[in-house]
Amino acid sequence: MKKFIYILSILLLFLFTFNTVTTVAHHKMYSQGFYDMKDLNLSENITYKIQNNHPYVEGLLIIIDDDRKIQQLIRIPASSAQIPMLPLKYGYKFIIYNDILLTFS
């Protein structure tokens, strides 16, 4: 009887401690403005993809390095599919132009 109680208590302990919770990552949307790598929570040397979530408005994404040279200029159509970007470096700054909603993934 004692073995049964011990096994039952251990099973109940595992049952209540190993709950699985499904999580869904929500992408943060960014609108018109000036941003840097910290603001967008982006990491260095990773190829990201951007997507315009606004159904009617086109926009521009301008990526500038530390020397104020344009590294990439992307025209983003309304309700666009994911558009790949070049790998990013730490000092890059981002300019989002027009009333669009961008997500980085």
N, C-alpha and C. Protein backbone atom coordinates (compact mmCIF):
# COMPACT_ATOMS: atom_id res chain seq x y z
N MET A 1 0.82 -1.20 0.00
CA MET A 1 0.00 0.00 0.00
C MET A 1 0.86 1.26 0.00
N LYS A 2 1.99 1.21 0.74
CA LYS A 2 2.87 2.37 0.79
C LYS A 2 3.50 2.65 -0.58
N LYS A 3 3.86 1.56 -1.29
CA LYS A 3 4.45 1.74 -2.62
C LYS A 3 3.44 2.41 -3.56
N PHE A 4 2.21 2.02 -3.46
CA PHE A 4 1.17 2.60 -4.30
C PHE A 4 1.01 4.10 -4.01
N ILE A 5 1.05 4.49 -2.77
CA ILE A 5 0.93 5.91 -2.40
C ILE A 5 2.13 6.70 -2.89
N TYR A 6 3.33 6.13 -2.75
CA TYR A 6 4.53 6.81 -3.24
C TYR A 6 4.48 6.99 -4.75
N ILE A 7 4.12 5.94 -5.45
CA ILE A 7 4.06 6.03 -6.91
C ILE A 7 2.98 7.01 -7.34
N LEU A 8 1.83 6.97 -6.70
CA LEU A 8 0.76 7.90 -7.03
C LEU A 8 1.16 9.34 -6.76
N SER A 9 1.83 9.59 -5.64
CA SER A 9 2.25 10.96 -5.33
C SER A 9 3.32 11.45 -6.31
N ILE A 10 4.22 10.58 -6.73
CA ILE A 10 5.23 10.97 -7.72
C ILE A 10 4.57 11.26 -9.07
N LEU A 11 3.63 10.43 -9.47
CA LEU A 11 2.92 10.67 -10.73
C LEU A 11 2.14 11.98 -10.69
N LEU A 12 1.49 12.26 -9.57
CA LEU A 12 0.77 13.53 -9.44
C LEU A 12 1.73 14.72 -9.46
N LEU A 13 2.88 14.55 -8.84
CA LEU A 13 3.89 15.61 -8.86
C LEU A 13 4.33 15.90 -10.30
N PHE A 14 4.61 14.85 -11.07
CA PHE A 14 4.99 15.05 -12.46
C PHE A 14 3.85 15.63 -13.29
N LEU A 15 2.65 15.21 -12.99
CA LEU A 15 1.50 15.69 -13.73
C LEU A 15 1.32 17.20 -13.57
N PHE A 16 1.51 17.71 -12.37
CA PHE A 16 1.30 19.13 -12.12
C PHE A 16 2.51 20.00 -12.43
N THR A 17 3.70 19.42 -12.48
CA THR A 17 4.89 20.24 -12.75
C THR A 17 5.25 20.30 -14.22
N PHE A 18 4.84 19.33 -15.01
CA PHE A 18 5.20 19.31 -16.42
C PHE A 18 4.04 19.70 -17.31
N ASN A 19 3.39 20.78 -16.98
CA ASN A 19 2.33 21.30 -17.84
C ASN A 19 2.95 21.93 -19.08
N THR A 20 2.42 21.63 -20.21
CA THR A 20 2.89 22.24 -21.43
C THR A 20 1.96 23.40 -21.78
N VAL A 21 2.56 24.53 -22.05
CA VAL A 21 1.81 25.71 -22.41
C VAL A 21 2.21 26.08 -23.83
N THR A 22 1.25 26.18 -24.70
CA THR A 22 1.55 26.57 -26.07
C THR A 22 1.69 28.08 -26.13
N THR A 23 2.77 28.50 -26.72
CA THR A 23 3.03 29.93 -26.86
C THR A 23 3.11 30.28 -28.34
N VAL A 24 2.65 31.44 -28.65
CA VAL A 24 2.69 31.93 -30.02
C VAL A 24 3.48 33.23 -30.01
N ALA A 25 4.49 33.30 -30.85
CA ALA A 25 5.30 34.50 -30.92
C ALA A 25 4.56 35.55 -31.75
N HIS A 26 4.31 36.68 -31.15
CA HIS A 26 3.67 37.78 -31.86
C HIS A 26 4.76 38.72 -32.35
N HIS A 27 4.75 38.96 -33.64
CA HIS A 27 5.72 39.88 -34.21
C HIS A 27 5.28 41.31 -33.90
N LYS A 28 6.23 42.10 -33.48
CA LYS A 28 5.93 43.49 -33.18
C LYS A 28 5.93 44.27 -34.49
N MET A 29 4.98 45.17 -34.63
CA MET A 29 4.86 45.96 -35.85
C MET A 29 5.48 47.34 -35.62
N TYR A 30 6.19 47.83 -36.61
CA TYR A 30 6.86 49.12 -36.53
C TYR A 30 6.31 50.04 -37.61
N SER A 31 6.05 51.28 -37.23
CA SER A 31 5.50 52.25 -38.17
C SER A 31 6.58 53.26 -38.55
N GLN A 32 6.18 54.32 -39.21
CA GLN A 32 7.10 55.32 -39.72
C GLN A 32 7.98 55.87 -38.60
N GLY A 33 9.29 55.98 -38.89
CA GLY A 33 10.19 56.55 -37.89
C GLY A 33 11.63 56.14 -38.10
N PHE A 34 12.47 56.54 -37.13
CA PHE A 34 13.90 56.25 -37.13
C PHE A 34 14.16 55.20 -36.05
N TYR A 35 14.89 54.15 -36.40
CA TYR A 35 15.16 53.06 -35.47
C TYR A 35 16.62 52.64 -35.59
N ASP A 36 17.13 51.96 -34.56
CA ASP A 36 18.43 51.30 -34.66
C ASP A 36 18.25 49.83 -34.30
N MET A 37 19.35 49.08 -34.27
CA MET A 37 19.26 47.64 -34.05
C MET A 37 18.62 47.30 -32.70
N LYS A 38 18.93 48.09 -31.66
CA LYS A 38 18.36 47.82 -30.33
C LYS A 38 16.86 48.05 -30.32
N ASP A 39 16.41 49.09 -31.00
CA ASP A 39 14.98 49.40 -31.02
C ASP A 39 14.16 48.28 -31.66
N LEU A 40 14.72 47.66 -32.68
CA LEU A 40 14.00 46.62 -33.42
C LEU A 40 14.27 45.22 -32.89
N ASN A 41 15.13 45.10 -31.88
CA ASN A 41 15.51 43.80 -31.29
C ASN A 41 16.07 42.85 -32.34
N LEU A 42 16.97 43.35 -33.18
CA LEU A 42 17.57 42.55 -34.23
C LEU A 42 19.00 42.18 -33.84
N SER A 43 19.46 41.04 -34.31
CA SER A 43 20.81 40.57 -34.04
C SER A 43 21.69 40.77 -35.25
N GLU A 44 22.98 40.79 -35.00
CA GLU A 44 23.97 41.03 -36.06
C GLU A 44 24.20 39.76 -36.88
N ASN A 45 24.54 39.93 -38.16
CA ASN A 45 24.88 38.86 -39.10
C ASN A 45 23.77 37.83 -39.31
N ILE A 46 22.55 38.27 -39.25
CA ILE A 46 21.41 37.40 -39.53
C ILE A 46 20.61 38.02 -40.66
N THR A 47 20.18 37.18 -41.59
CA THR A 47 19.36 37.65 -42.70
C THR A 47 17.90 37.65 -42.25
N TYR A 48 17.32 38.82 -42.13
CA TYR A 48 15.92 38.96 -41.72
C TYR A 48 15.05 39.16 -42.95
N LYS A 49 13.77 38.97 -42.75
CA LYS A 49 12.77 39.24 -43.79
C LYS A 49 11.80 40.25 -43.23
N ILE A 50 11.36 41.16 -44.11
CA ILE A 50 10.40 42.18 -43.70
C ILE A 50 9.10 41.97 -44.46
N GLN A 51 8.04 42.43 -43.84
CA GLN A 51 6.72 42.29 -44.45
C GLN A 51 5.89 43.51 -44.09
N ASN A 52 5.21 44.08 -45.09
CA ASN A 52 4.30 45.19 -44.87
C ASN A 52 2.92 44.62 -44.58
N ASN A 53 2.38 44.97 -43.43
CA ASN A 53 1.08 44.45 -43.04
C ASN A 53 -0.06 45.42 -43.31
N HIS A 54 0.26 46.55 -43.90
CA HIS A 54 -0.79 47.53 -44.22
C HIS A 54 -1.35 47.20 -45.60
N PRO A 55 -2.67 47.08 -45.74
CA PRO A 55 -3.23 46.60 -47.00
C PRO A 55 -3.24 47.60 -48.15
N TYR A 56 -3.10 48.90 -47.88
CA TYR A 56 -3.28 49.87 -48.96
C TYR A 56 -2.11 50.81 -49.19
N VAL A 57 -1.09 50.78 -48.36
CA VAL A 57 -0.04 51.79 -48.42
C VAL A 57 1.32 51.14 -48.72
N GLU A 58 2.04 51.72 -49.69
CA GLU A 58 3.41 51.31 -49.97
C GLU A 58 4.37 52.10 -49.09
N GLY A 59 5.58 51.61 -48.95
CA GLY A 59 6.54 52.34 -48.14
C GLY A 59 7.97 52.03 -48.53
N LEU A 60 8.89 52.66 -47.81
CA LEU A 60 10.32 52.47 -48.04
C LEU A 60 10.99 52.10 -46.72
N LEU A 61 12.00 51.24 -46.82
CA LEU A 61 12.89 50.96 -45.70
C LEU A 61 14.29 51.31 -46.16
N ILE A 62 14.92 52.23 -45.45
CA ILE A 62 16.28 52.66 -45.77
C ILE A 62 17.18 52.21 -44.64
N ILE A 63 18.25 51.49 -44.98
CA ILE A 63 19.19 51.01 -43.98
C ILE A 63 20.50 51.77 -44.18
N ILE A 64 20.97 52.43 -43.12
CA ILE A 64 22.16 53.29 -43.18
C ILE A 64 23.20 52.76 -42.20
N ASP A 65 24.49 52.79 -42.60
CA ASP A 65 25.56 52.32 -41.71
C ASP A 65 26.11 53.47 -40.86
N ASP A 66 27.18 53.19 -40.12
CA ASP A 66 27.78 54.20 -39.23
C ASP A 66 28.34 55.41 -39.98
N ASP A 67 28.78 55.20 -41.22
CA ASP A 67 29.35 56.29 -42.02
C ASP A 67 28.27 57.07 -42.77
N ARG A 68 27.02 56.85 -42.46
CA ARG A 68 25.87 57.48 -43.09
C ARG A 68 25.76 57.19 -44.58
N LYS A 69 26.16 56.00 -44.95
CA LYS A 69 26.01 55.54 -46.33
C LYS A 69 24.84 54.57 -46.39
N ILE A 70 24.06 54.68 -47.45
CA ILE A 70 22.91 53.79 -47.61
C ILE A 70 23.41 52.40 -47.98
N GLN A 71 23.08 51.42 -47.17
CA GLN A 71 23.46 50.04 -47.42
C GLN A 71 22.38 49.29 -48.20
N GLN A 72 21.13 49.65 -47.94
CA GLN A 72 20.04 48.99 -48.64
C GLN A 72 18.82 49.91 -48.62
N LEU A 73 18.14 49.96 -49.75
CA LEU A 73 16.90 50.71 -49.87
C LEU A 73 15.88 49.75 -50.46
N ILE A 74 14.81 49.51 -49.72
CA ILE A 74 13.81 48.53 -50.14
C ILE A 74 12.47 49.22 -50.29
N ARG A 75 11.90 49.10 -51.47
CA ARG A 75 10.53 49.58 -51.70
C ARG A 75 9.60 48.43 -51.35
N ILE A 76 8.66 48.71 -50.46
CA ILE A 76 7.81 47.66 -49.93
C ILE A 76 6.37 47.90 -50.39
N PRO A 77 5.82 47.02 -51.23
CA PRO A 77 4.44 47.20 -51.68
C PRO A 77 3.44 46.91 -50.57
N ALA A 78 2.21 47.34 -50.78
CA ALA A 78 1.13 47.09 -49.81
C ALA A 78 0.87 45.59 -49.70
N SER A 79 0.60 45.13 -48.49
CA SER A 79 0.33 43.71 -48.20
C SER A 79 1.35 42.80 -48.87
N SER A 80 2.61 43.12 -48.69
CA SER A 80 3.67 42.38 -49.36
C SER A 80 3.93 41.03 -48.72
N ALA A 81 4.52 40.15 -49.50
CA ALA A 81 5.05 38.90 -48.96
C ALA A 81 6.36 39.24 -48.25
N GLN A 82 6.99 38.26 -47.65
CA GLN A 82 8.24 38.52 -46.94
C GLN A 82 9.35 38.83 -47.93
N ILE A 83 10.06 39.94 -47.68
CA ILE A 83 11.14 40.40 -48.54
C ILE A 83 12.45 40.22 -47.78
N PRO A 84 13.42 39.46 -48.34
CA PRO A 84 14.68 39.26 -47.62
C PRO A 84 15.55 40.52 -47.62
N MET A 85 16.30 40.69 -46.53
CA MET A 85 17.24 41.80 -46.40
C MET A 85 18.65 41.24 -46.38
N LEU A 86 19.64 42.13 -46.54
CA LEU A 86 21.03 41.73 -46.41
C LEU A 86 21.34 41.46 -44.94
N PRO A 87 22.38 40.67 -44.64
CA PRO A 87 22.77 40.48 -43.24
C PRO A 87 23.13 41.84 -42.61
N LEU A 88 22.73 42.03 -41.37
CA LEU A 88 22.87 43.32 -40.71
C LEU A 88 24.14 43.39 -39.87
N LYS A 89 24.64 44.60 -39.69
CA LYS A 89 25.78 44.85 -38.80
C LYS A 89 25.31 45.72 -37.65
N TYR A 90 26.12 45.78 -36.60
CA TYR A 90 25.68 46.38 -35.34
C TYR A 90 25.26 47.84 -35.45
N GLY A 91 25.97 48.67 -36.18
CA GLY A 91 25.71 50.10 -36.17
C GLY A 91 24.66 50.58 -37.15
N TYR A 92 23.94 49.70 -37.77
CA TYR A 92 22.97 50.10 -38.79
C TYR A 92 21.80 50.85 -38.16
N LYS A 93 21.31 51.84 -38.91
CA LYS A 93 20.13 52.60 -38.53
C LYS A 93 19.07 52.35 -39.60
N PHE A 94 17.81 52.45 -39.21
CA PHE A 94 16.71 52.14 -40.10
C PHE A 94 15.76 53.33 -40.17
N ILE A 95 15.34 53.65 -41.38
CA ILE A 95 14.34 54.69 -41.59
C ILE A 95 13.16 54.02 -42.29
N ILE A 96 12.03 54.07 -41.64
CA ILE A 96 10.80 53.56 -42.24
C ILE A 96 10.00 54.77 -42.69
N TYR A 97 9.73 54.83 -43.98
CA TYR A 97 9.05 55.99 -44.55
C TYR A 97 7.68 55.59 -45.04
N ASN A 98 6.71 56.36 -44.73
CA ASN A 98 5.31 56.27 -45.10
C ASN A 98 4.55 55.57 -43.99
N ASP A 99 3.26 55.61 -44.08
CA ASP A 99 2.40 55.09 -43.03
C ASP A 99 2.18 53.59 -43.21
N ILE A 100 3.25 52.80 -43.01
CA ILE A 100 3.18 51.36 -43.18
C ILE A 100 3.41 50.67 -41.84
N LEU A 101 3.12 49.40 -41.78
CA LEU A 101 3.35 48.60 -40.58
C LEU A 101 4.26 47.45 -40.95
N LEU A 102 5.54 47.50 -40.51
CA LEU A 102 6.51 46.48 -40.87
C LEU A 102 6.70 45.50 -39.73
N THR A 103 6.90 44.23 -40.09
CA THR A 103 7.32 43.22 -39.13
C THR A 103 8.63 42.62 -39.65
N PHE A 104 9.52 42.33 -38.71
CA PHE A 104 10.80 41.71 -39.02
C PHE A 104 10.76 40.27 -38.51
N SER A 105 11.15 39.34 -39.34
CA SER A 105 11.19 37.95 -38.91
C SER A 105 12.41 37.24 -39.47
